[in-house]
Amino acid sequence: MEDNPKLTKQELLERVVVDQDISFGKPCIRGTRIWVSLILDNLAAGVSEDEILDAYPTLKKIDIRAAITYAAELARDRYVALPV
């Protein structure tokens, strides 16, 4: 698989799984126990994609895109009230 393939939104979302038997049902990247939230927390903290990939060698750049796509879908349909 090339480093930056052109995948559809659906293909990206298929890289994320939610299974009660894996990581307590938290959304993970397929074939790993790496939480989507872990990837997003790292990005939010300013950790670069390359640093994330170095820290989690089973991940691919496309998995980071999948995590962002998953978060975008959640934010489109739901919101969490944040303290002011």
PDB file of N, CA and C in Angstrom:
ATOM      1  N   MET A   1       0.853  -1.181   0.000  1.00  0.00           N
ATOM      2  CA  MET A   1       0.000   0.000   0.000  1.00  0.00           C
ATOM      3  C   MET A   1       0.893   1.236   0.000  1.00  0.00           C
ATOM      4  N   GLU A   2       0.593   2.131  -0.898  1.00  0.00           N
ATOM      5  CA  GLU A   2       1.417   3.337  -0.957  1.00  0.00           C
ATOM      6  C   GLU A   2       1.233   4.166   0.299  1.00  0.00           C
ATOM      7  N   ASP A   3       2.151   5.079   0.538  1.00  0.00           N
ATOM      8  CA  ASP A   3       2.185   5.838   1.779  1.00  0.00           C
ATOM      9  C   ASP A   3       0.978   6.766   1.946  1.00  0.00           C
ATOM     10  N   ASN A   4       0.438   7.297   0.856  1.00  0.00           N
ATOM     11  CA  ASN A   4      -0.656   8.249   0.954  1.00  0.00           C
ATOM     12  C   ASN A   4      -1.740   7.920  -0.075  1.00  0.00           C
ATOM     13  N   PRO A   5      -2.369   6.739   0.063  1.00  0.00           N
ATOM     14  CA  PRO A   5      -3.372   6.357  -0.937  1.00  0.00           C
ATOM     15  C   PRO A   5      -4.610   7.226  -0.854  1.00  0.00           C
ATOM     16  N   LYS A   6      -5.320   7.317  -1.954  1.00  0.00           N
ATOM     17  CA  LYS A   6      -6.568   8.068  -2.002  1.00  0.00           C
ATOM     18  C   LYS A   6      -7.698   7.123  -1.625  1.00  0.00           C
ATOM     19  N   LEU A   7      -8.092   7.152  -0.366  1.00  0.00           N
ATOM     20  CA  LEU A   7      -9.179   6.308   0.095  1.00  0.00           C
ATOM     21  C   LEU A   7     -10.432   7.145   0.300  1.00  0.00           C
ATOM     22  N   THR A   8     -11.568   6.514   0.126  1.00  0.00           N
ATOM     23  CA  THR A   8     -12.827   7.210   0.401  1.00  0.00           C
ATOM     24  C   THR A   8     -13.013   7.314   1.910  1.00  0.00           C
ATOM     25  N   LYS A   9     -13.960   8.145   2.304  1.00  0.00           N
ATOM     26  CA  LYS A   9     -14.267   8.280   3.727  1.00  0.00           C
ATOM     27  C   LYS A   9     -14.668   6.919   4.301  1.00  0.00           C
ATOM     28  N   GLN A  10     -15.474   6.179   3.577  1.00  0.00           N
ATOM     29  CA  GLN A  10     -15.904   4.861   4.050  1.00  0.00           C
ATOM     30  C   GLN A  10     -14.719   3.916   4.223  1.00  0.00           C
ATOM     31  N   GLU A  11     -13.794   3.934   3.289  1.00  0.00           N
ATOM     32  CA  GLU A  11     -12.610   3.078   3.391  1.00  0.00           C
ATOM     33  C   GLU A  11     -11.758   3.463   4.602  1.00  0.00           C
ATOM     34  N   LEU A  12     -11.655   4.762   4.872  1.00  0.00           N
ATOM     35  CA  LEU A  12     -10.926   5.208   6.059  1.00  0.00           C
ATOM     36  C   LEU A  12     -11.632   4.738   7.326  1.00  0.00           C
ATOM     37  N   LEU A  13     -12.956   4.896   7.368  1.00  0.00           N
ATOM     38  CA  LEU A  13     -13.704   4.497   8.554  1.00  0.00           C
ATOM     39  C   LEU A  13     -13.634   2.993   8.792  1.00  0.00           C
ATOM     40  N   GLU A  14     -13.466   2.216   7.760  1.00  0.00           N
ATOM     41  CA  GLU A  14     -13.340   0.764   7.915  1.00  0.00           C
ATOM     42  C   GLU A  14     -12.031   0.374   8.603  1.00  0.00           C
ATOM     43  N   ARG A  15     -11.102   1.285   8.711  1.00  0.00           N
ATOM     44  CA  ARG A  15      -9.839   1.018   9.406  1.00  0.00           C
ATOM     45  C   ARG A  15     -10.001   1.153  10.915  1.00  0.00           C
ATOM     46  N   VAL A  16     -11.153   1.671  11.356  1.00  0.00           N
ATOM     47  CA  VAL A  16     -11.437   1.837  12.780  1.00  0.00           C
ATOM     48  C   VAL A  16     -12.450   0.772  13.187  1.00  0.00           C
ATOM     49  N   VAL A  17     -12.169   0.102  14.299  1.00  0.00           N
ATOM     50  CA  VAL A  17     -13.088  -0.922  14.799  1.00  0.00           C
ATOM     51  C   VAL A  17     -13.491  -0.616  16.232  1.00  0.00           C
ATOM     52  N   VAL A  18     -14.708  -1.019  16.555  1.00  0.00           N
ATOM     53  CA  VAL A  18     -15.207  -0.941  17.921  1.00  0.00           C
ATOM     54  C   VAL A  18     -15.678  -2.349  18.268  1.00  0.00           C
ATOM     55  N   ASP A  19     -14.970  -2.987  19.178  1.00  0.00           N
ATOM     56  CA  ASP A  19     -15.255  -4.368  19.549  1.00  0.00           C
ATOM     57  C   ASP A  19     -15.129  -4.477  21.070  1.00  0.00           C
ATOM     58  N   GLN A  20     -16.192  -4.920  21.725  1.00  0.00           N
ATOM     59  CA  GLN A  20     -16.178  -5.012  23.184  1.00  0.00           C
ATOM     60  C   GLN A  20     -15.059  -5.916  23.708  1.00  0.00           C
ATOM     61  N   ASP A  21     -14.567  -6.820  22.888  1.00  0.00           N
ATOM     62  CA  ASP A  21     -13.502  -7.733  23.307  1.00  0.00           C
ATOM     63  C   ASP A  21     -12.108  -7.158  23.085  1.00  0.00           C
ATOM     64  N   ILE A  22     -12.023  -5.975  22.502  1.00  0.00           N
ATOM     65  CA  ILE A  22     -10.729  -5.336  22.240  1.00  0.00           C
ATOM     66  C   ILE A  22     -10.721  -3.961  22.901  1.00  0.00           C
ATOM     67  N   SER A  23      -9.812  -3.761  23.814  1.00  0.00           N
ATOM     68  CA  SER A  23      -9.633  -2.462  24.487  1.00  0.00           C
ATOM     69  C   SER A  23     -10.934  -1.902  25.049  1.00  0.00           C
ATOM     70  N   PHE A  24     -11.717  -2.782  25.667  1.00  0.00           N
ATOM     71  CA  PHE A  24     -12.941  -2.372  26.365  1.00  0.00           C
ATOM     72  C   PHE A  24     -13.957  -1.696  25.455  1.00  0.00           C
ATOM     73  N   GLY A  25     -13.904  -1.987  24.163  1.00  0.00           N
ATOM     74  CA  GLY A  25     -14.862  -1.408  23.224  1.00  0.00           C
ATOM     75  C   GLY A  25     -14.522  -0.004  22.761  1.00  0.00           C
ATOM     76  N   LYS A  26     -13.340   0.477  23.112  1.00  0.00           N
ATOM     77  CA  LYS A  26     -12.930   1.808  22.632  1.00  0.00           C
ATOM     78  C   LYS A  26     -12.548   1.703  21.157  1.00  0.00           C
ATOM     79  N   PRO A  27     -12.856   2.728  20.375  1.00  0.00           N
ATOM     80  CA  PRO A  27     -12.473   2.703  18.956  1.00  0.00           C
ATOM     81  C   PRO A  27     -10.955   2.579  18.801  1.00  0.00           C
ATOM     82  N   CYS A  28     -10.541   1.576  18.019  1.00  0.00           N
ATOM     83  CA  CYS A  28      -9.119   1.296  17.782  1.00  0.00           C
ATOM     84  C   CYS A  28      -8.874   1.191  16.287  1.00  0.00           C
ATOM     85  N   ILE A  29      -7.621   1.315  15.926  1.00  0.00           N
ATOM     86  CA  ILE A  29      -7.218   1.061  14.557  1.00  0.00           C
ATOM     87  C   ILE A  29      -7.244  -0.452  14.331  1.00  0.00           C
ATOM     88  N   ARG A  30      -7.903  -0.869  13.256  1.00  0.00           N
ATOM     89  CA  ARG A  30      -8.060  -2.305  12.947  1.00  0.00           C
ATOM     90  C   ARG A  30      -6.716  -3.031  13.017  1.00  0.00           C
ATOM     91  N   GLY A  31      -6.725  -4.183  13.682  1.00  0.00           N
ATOM     92  CA  GLY A  31      -5.519  -4.999  13.790  1.00  0.00           C
ATOM     93  C   GLY A  31      -4.565  -4.564  14.881  1.00  0.00           C
ATOM     94  N   THR A  32      -4.951  -3.552  15.654  1.00  0.00           N
ATOM     95  CA  THR A  32      -4.120  -3.061  16.758  1.00  0.00           C
ATOM     96  C   THR A  32      -5.002  -2.853  17.978  1.00  0.00           C
ATOM     97  N   ARG A  33      -4.386  -2.494  19.048  1.00  0.00           N
ATOM     98  CA  ARG A  33      -5.113  -2.058  20.245  1.00  0.00           C
ATOM     99  C   ARG A  33      -4.827  -0.569  20.495  1.00  0.00           C
ATOM    100  N   ILE A  34      -4.490   0.129  19.451  1.00  0.00           N
ATOM    101  CA  ILE A  34      -4.169   1.556  19.545  1.00  0.00           C
ATOM    102  C   ILE A  34      -5.455   2.351  19.399  1.00  0.00           C
ATOM    103  N   TRP A  35      -5.804   3.067  20.465  1.00  0.00           N
ATOM    104  CA  TRP A  35      -7.050   3.829  20.506  1.00  0.00           C
ATOM    105  C   TRP A  35      -6.996   5.022  19.555  1.00  0.00           C
ATOM    106  N   VAL A  36      -8.110   5.279  18.924  1.00  0.00           N
ATOM    107  CA  VAL A  36      -8.260   6.487  18.117  1.00  0.00           C
ATOM    108  C   VAL A  36      -7.988   7.711  18.978  1.00  0.00           C
ATOM    109  N   SER A  37      -8.501   7.708  20.205  1.00  0.00           N
ATOM    110  CA  SER A  37      -8.311   8.863  21.095  1.00  0.00           C
ATOM    111  C   SER A  37      -6.841   9.108  21.415  1.00  0.00           C
ATOM    112  N   LEU A  38      -6.045   8.050  21.491  1.00  0.00           N
ATOM    113  CA  LEU A  38      -4.606   8.207  21.738  1.00  0.00           C
ATOM    114  C   LEU A  38      -3.947   8.965  20.593  1.00  0.00           C
ATOM    115  N   ILE A  39      -4.305   8.593  19.383  1.00  0.00           N
ATOM    116  CA  ILE A  39      -3.757   9.280  18.203  1.00  0.00           C
ATOM    117  C   ILE A  39      -4.172  10.741  18.218  1.00  0.00           C
ATOM    118  N   LEU A  40      -5.453  10.997  18.472  1.00  0.00           N
ATOM    119  CA  LEU A  40      -5.961  12.374  18.470  1.00  0.00           C
ATOM    120  C   LEU A  40      -5.358  13.199  19.602  1.00  0.00           C
ATOM    121  N   ASP A  41      -5.214  12.606  20.785  1.00  0.00           N
ATOM    122  CA  ASP A  41      -4.587  13.315  21.904  1.00  0.00           C
ATOM    123  C   ASP A  41      -3.162  13.723  21.558  1.00  0.00           C
ATOM    124  N   ASN A  42      -2.432  12.832  20.912  1.00  0.00           N
ATOM    125  CA  ASN A  42      -1.059  13.146  20.508  1.00  0.00           C
ATOM    126  C   ASN A  42      -1.029  14.281  19.497  1.00  0.00           C
ATOM    127  N   LEU A  43      -1.911  14.208  18.494  1.00  0.00           N
ATOM    128  CA  LEU A  43      -1.958  15.292  17.502  1.00  0.00           C
ATOM    129  C   LEU A  43      -2.308  16.622  18.162  1.00  0.00           C
ATOM    130  N   ALA A  44      -3.276  16.593  19.077  1.00  0.00           N
ATOM    131  CA  ALA A  44      -3.700  17.818  19.771  1.00  0.00           C
ATOM    132  C   ALA A  44      -2.574  18.396  20.622  1.00  0.00           C
ATOM    133  N   ALA A  45      -1.703  17.525  21.131  1.00  0.00           N
ATOM    134  CA  ALA A  45      -0.583  17.978  21.964  1.00  0.00           C
ATOM    135  C   ALA A  45       0.598  18.461  21.126  1.00  0.00           C
ATOM    136  N   GLY A  46       0.453  18.415  19.807  1.00  0.00           N
ATOM    137  CA  GLY A  46       1.519  18.906  18.945  1.00  0.00           C
ATOM    138  C   GLY A  46       2.524  17.850  18.530  1.00  0.00           C
ATOM    139  N   VAL A  47       2.245  16.595  18.826  1.00  0.00           N
ATOM    140  CA  VAL A  47       3.137  15.520  18.406  1.00  0.00           C
ATOM    141  C   VAL A  47       2.965  15.340  16.899  1.00  0.00           C
ATOM    142  N   SER A  48       4.050  15.269  16.179  1.00  0.00           N
ATOM    143  CA  SER A  48       3.970  15.150  14.728  1.00  0.00           C
ATOM    144  C   SER A  48       3.550  13.737  14.325  1.00  0.00           C
ATOM    145  N   GLU A  49       3.056  13.616  13.098  1.00  0.00           N
ATOM    146  CA  GLU A  49       2.702  12.297  12.584  1.00  0.00           C
ATOM    147  C   GLU A  49       3.903  11.367  12.608  1.00  0.00           C
ATOM    148  N   ASP A  50       5.055  11.874  12.218  1.00  0.00           N
ATOM    149  CA  ASP A  50       6.255  11.035  12.203  1.00  0.00           C
ATOM    150  C   ASP A  50       6.617  10.545  13.604  1.00  0.00           C
ATOM    151  N   GLU A  51       6.457  11.399  14.607  1.00  0.00           N
ATOM    152  CA  GLU A  51       6.738  10.985  15.985  1.00  0.00           C
ATOM    153  C   GLU A  51       5.747   9.907  16.442  1.00  0.00           C
ATOM    154  N   ILE A  52       4.483  10.057  16.058  1.00  0.00           N
ATOM    155  CA  ILE A  52       3.480   9.048  16.408  1.00  0.00           C
ATOM    156  C   ILE A  52       3.829   7.721  15.738  1.00  0.00           C
ATOM    157  N   LEU A  53       4.190   7.791  14.475  1.00  0.00           N
ATOM    158  CA  LEU A  53       4.537   6.574  13.738  1.00  0.00           C
ATOM    159  C   LEU A  53       5.785   5.907  14.315  1.00  0.00           C
ATOM    160  N   ASP A  54       6.730   6.697  14.794  1.00  0.00           N
ATOM    161  CA  ASP A  54       7.925   6.137  15.432  1.00  0.00           C
ATOM    162  C   ASP A  54       7.568   5.456  16.758  1.00  0.00           C
ATOM    163  N   ALA A  55       6.656   6.068  17.502  1.00  0.00           N
ATOM    164  CA  ALA A  55       6.265   5.525  18.806  1.00  0.00           C
ATOM    165  C   ALA A  55       5.393   4.274  18.675  1.00  0.00           C
ATOM    166  N   TYR A  56       4.642   4.192  17.594  1.00  0.00           N
ATOM    167  CA  TYR A  56       3.726   3.068  17.370  1.00  0.00           C
ATOM    168  C   TYR A  56       3.991   2.502  15.976  1.00  0.00           C
ATOM    169  N   PRO A  57       5.007   1.661  15.852  1.00  0.00           N
ATOM    170  CA  PRO A  57       5.460   1.200  14.532  1.00  0.00           C
ATOM    171  C   PRO A  57       4.428   0.403  13.740  1.00  0.00           C
ATOM    172  N   THR A  58       3.393  -0.110  14.379  1.00  0.00           N
ATOM    173  CA  THR A  58       2.368  -0.845  13.628  1.00  0.00           C
ATOM    174  C   THR A  58       1.412   0.089  12.895  1.00  0.00           C
ATOM    175  N   LEU A  59       1.423   1.369  13.252  1.00  0.00           N
ATOM    176  CA  LEU A  59       0.557   2.351  12.582  1.00  0.00           C
ATOM    177  C   LEU A  59       1.141   2.774  11.242  1.00  0.00           C
ATOM    178  N   LYS A  60       0.239   3.194  10.375  1.00  0.00           N
ATOM    179  CA  LYS A  60       0.615   3.789   9.089  1.00  0.00           C
ATOM    180  C   LYS A  60       0.007   5.188   9.037  1.00  0.00           C
ATOM    181  N   LYS A  61       0.525   6.024   8.152  1.00  0.00           N
ATOM    182  CA  LYS A  61      -0.024   7.374   8.013  1.00  0.00           C
ATOM    183  C   LYS A  61      -1.525   7.335   7.749  1.00  0.00           C
ATOM    184  N   ILE A  62      -1.957   6.361   6.979  1.00  0.00           N
ATOM    185  CA  ILE A  62      -3.371   6.245   6.647  1.00  0.00           C
ATOM    186  C   ILE A  62      -4.215   5.998   7.907  1.00  0.00           C
ATOM    187  N   ASP A  63      -3.622   5.363   8.917  1.00  0.00           N
ATOM    188  CA  ASP A  63      -4.336   5.119  10.165  1.00  0.00           C
ATOM    189  C   ASP A  63      -4.573   6.427  10.918  1.00  0.00           C
ATOM    190  N   ILE A  64      -3.634   7.347  10.824  1.00  0.00           N
ATOM    191  CA  ILE A  64      -3.816   8.658  11.452  1.00  0.00           C
ATOM    192  C   ILE A  64      -4.955   9.394  10.748  1.00  0.00           C
ATOM    193  N   ARG A  65      -4.980   9.310   9.411  1.00  0.00           N
ATOM    194  CA  ARG A  65      -6.099   9.910   8.664  1.00  0.00           C
ATOM    195  C   ARG A  65      -7.419   9.262   9.046  1.00  0.00           C
ATOM    196  N   ALA A  66      -7.408   7.956   9.262  1.00  0.00           N
ATOM    197  CA  ALA A  66      -8.626   7.244   9.655  1.00  0.00           C
ATOM    198  C   ALA A  66      -9.118   7.740  11.014  1.00  0.00           C
ATOM    199  N   ALA A  67      -8.201   7.960  11.952  1.00  0.00           N
ATOM    200  CA  ALA A  67      -8.572   8.456  13.276  1.00  0.00           C
ATOM    201  C   ALA A  67      -9.200   9.849  13.173  1.00  0.00           C
ATOM    202  N   ILE A  68      -8.626  10.704  12.353  1.00  0.00           N
ATOM    203  CA  ILE A  68      -9.169  12.052  12.168  1.00  0.00           C
ATOM    204  C   ILE A  68     -10.542  11.982  11.504  1.00  0.00           C
ATOM    205  N   THR A  69     -10.691  11.110  10.535  1.00  0.00           N
ATOM    206  CA  THR A  69     -11.973  10.949   9.850  1.00  0.00           C
ATOM    207  C   THR A  69     -13.031  10.470  10.824  1.00  0.00           C
ATOM    208  N   TYR A  70     -12.691   9.526  11.674  1.00  0.00           N
ATOM    209  CA  TYR A  70     -13.623   9.013  12.676  1.00  0.00           C
ATOM    210  C   TYR A  70     -14.054  10.138  13.620  1.00  0.00           C
ATOM    211  N   ALA A  71     -13.107  10.926  14.077  1.00  0.00           N
ATOM    212  CA  ALA A  71     -13.420  12.043  14.979  1.00  0.00           C
ATOM    213  C   ALA A  71     -14.315  13.069  14.295  1.00  0.00           C
ATOM    214  N   ALA A  72     -14.057  13.331  13.035  1.00  0.00           N
ATOM    215  CA  ALA A  72     -14.884  14.287  12.290  1.00  0.00           C
ATOM    216  C   ALA A  72     -16.328  13.786  12.197  1.00  0.00           C
ATOM    217  N   GLU A  73     -16.497  12.489  11.977  1.00  0.00           N
ATOM    218  CA  GLU A  73     -17.846  11.921  11.917  1.00  0.00           C
ATOM    219  C   GLU A  73     -18.558  12.072  13.258  1.00  0.00           C
ATOM    220  N   LEU A  74     -17.855  11.819  14.345  1.00  0.00           N
ATOM    221  CA  LEU A  74     -18.459  11.980  15.667  1.00  0.00           C
ATOM    222  C   LEU A  74     -18.847  13.431  15.929  1.00  0.00           C
ATOM    223  N   ALA A  75     -17.965  14.348  15.582  1.00  0.00           N
ATOM    224  CA  ALA A  75     -18.219  15.769  15.833  1.00  0.00           C
ATOM    225  C   ALA A  75     -19.367  16.294  14.979  1.00  0.00           C
ATOM    226  N   ARG A  76     -19.602  15.676  13.849  1.00  0.00           N
ATOM    227  CA  ARG A  76     -20.683  16.102  12.968  1.00  0.00           C
ATOM    228  C   ARG A  76     -22.050  15.783  13.583  1.00  0.00           C
ATOM    229  N   ASP A  77     -22.122  14.657  14.286  1.00  0.00           N
ATOM    230  CA  ASP A  77     -23.402  14.189  14.791  1.00  0.00           C
ATOM    231  C   ASP A  77     -23.631  14.429  16.274  1.00  0.00           C
ATOM    232  N   ARG A  78     -22.569  14.643  17.031  1.00  0.00           N
ATOM    233  CA  ARG A  78     -22.701  14.791  18.479  1.00  0.00           C
ATOM    234  C   ARG A  78     -21.798  15.912  18.960  1.00  0.00           C
ATOM    235  N   TYR A  79     -22.078  16.372  20.144  1.00  0.00           N
ATOM    236  CA  TYR A  79     -21.174  17.343  20.745  1.00  0.00           C
ATOM    237  C   TYR A  79     -21.079  17.064  22.240  1.00  0.00           C
ATOM    238  N   VAL A  80     -20.000  17.523  22.816  1.00  0.00           N
ATOM    239  CA  VAL A  80     -19.768  17.423  24.234  1.00  0.00           C
ATOM    240  C   VAL A  80     -19.635  18.837  24.755  1.00  0.00           C
ATOM    241  N   ALA A  81     -20.478  19.186  25.734  1.00  0.00           N
ATOM    242  CA  ALA A  81     -20.390  20.521  26.316  1.00  0.00           C
ATOM    243  C   ALA A  81     -19.058  20.643  27.063  1.00  0.00           C
ATOM    244  N   LEU A  82     -18.334  21.705  26.787  1.00  0.00           N
ATOM    245  CA  LEU A  82     -17.046  21.940  27.424  1.00  0.00           C
ATOM    246  C   LEU A  82     -17.188  23.004  28.500  1.00  0.00           C
ATOM    247  N   PRO A  83     -16.456  22.869  29.602  1.00  0.00           N
ATOM    248  CA  PRO A  83     -16.532  23.891  30.657  1.00  0.00           C
ATOM    249  C   PRO A  83     -15.975  25.218  30.136  1.00  0.00           C
ATOM    250  N   VAL A  84     -16.569  26.285  30.593  1.00  0.00           N
ATOM    251  CA  VAL A  84     -16.140  27.614  30.146  1.00  0.00           C
ATOM    252  C   VAL A  84     -15.031  28.132  31.025  1.00  0.00           C
TER     253      VAL A  84
END
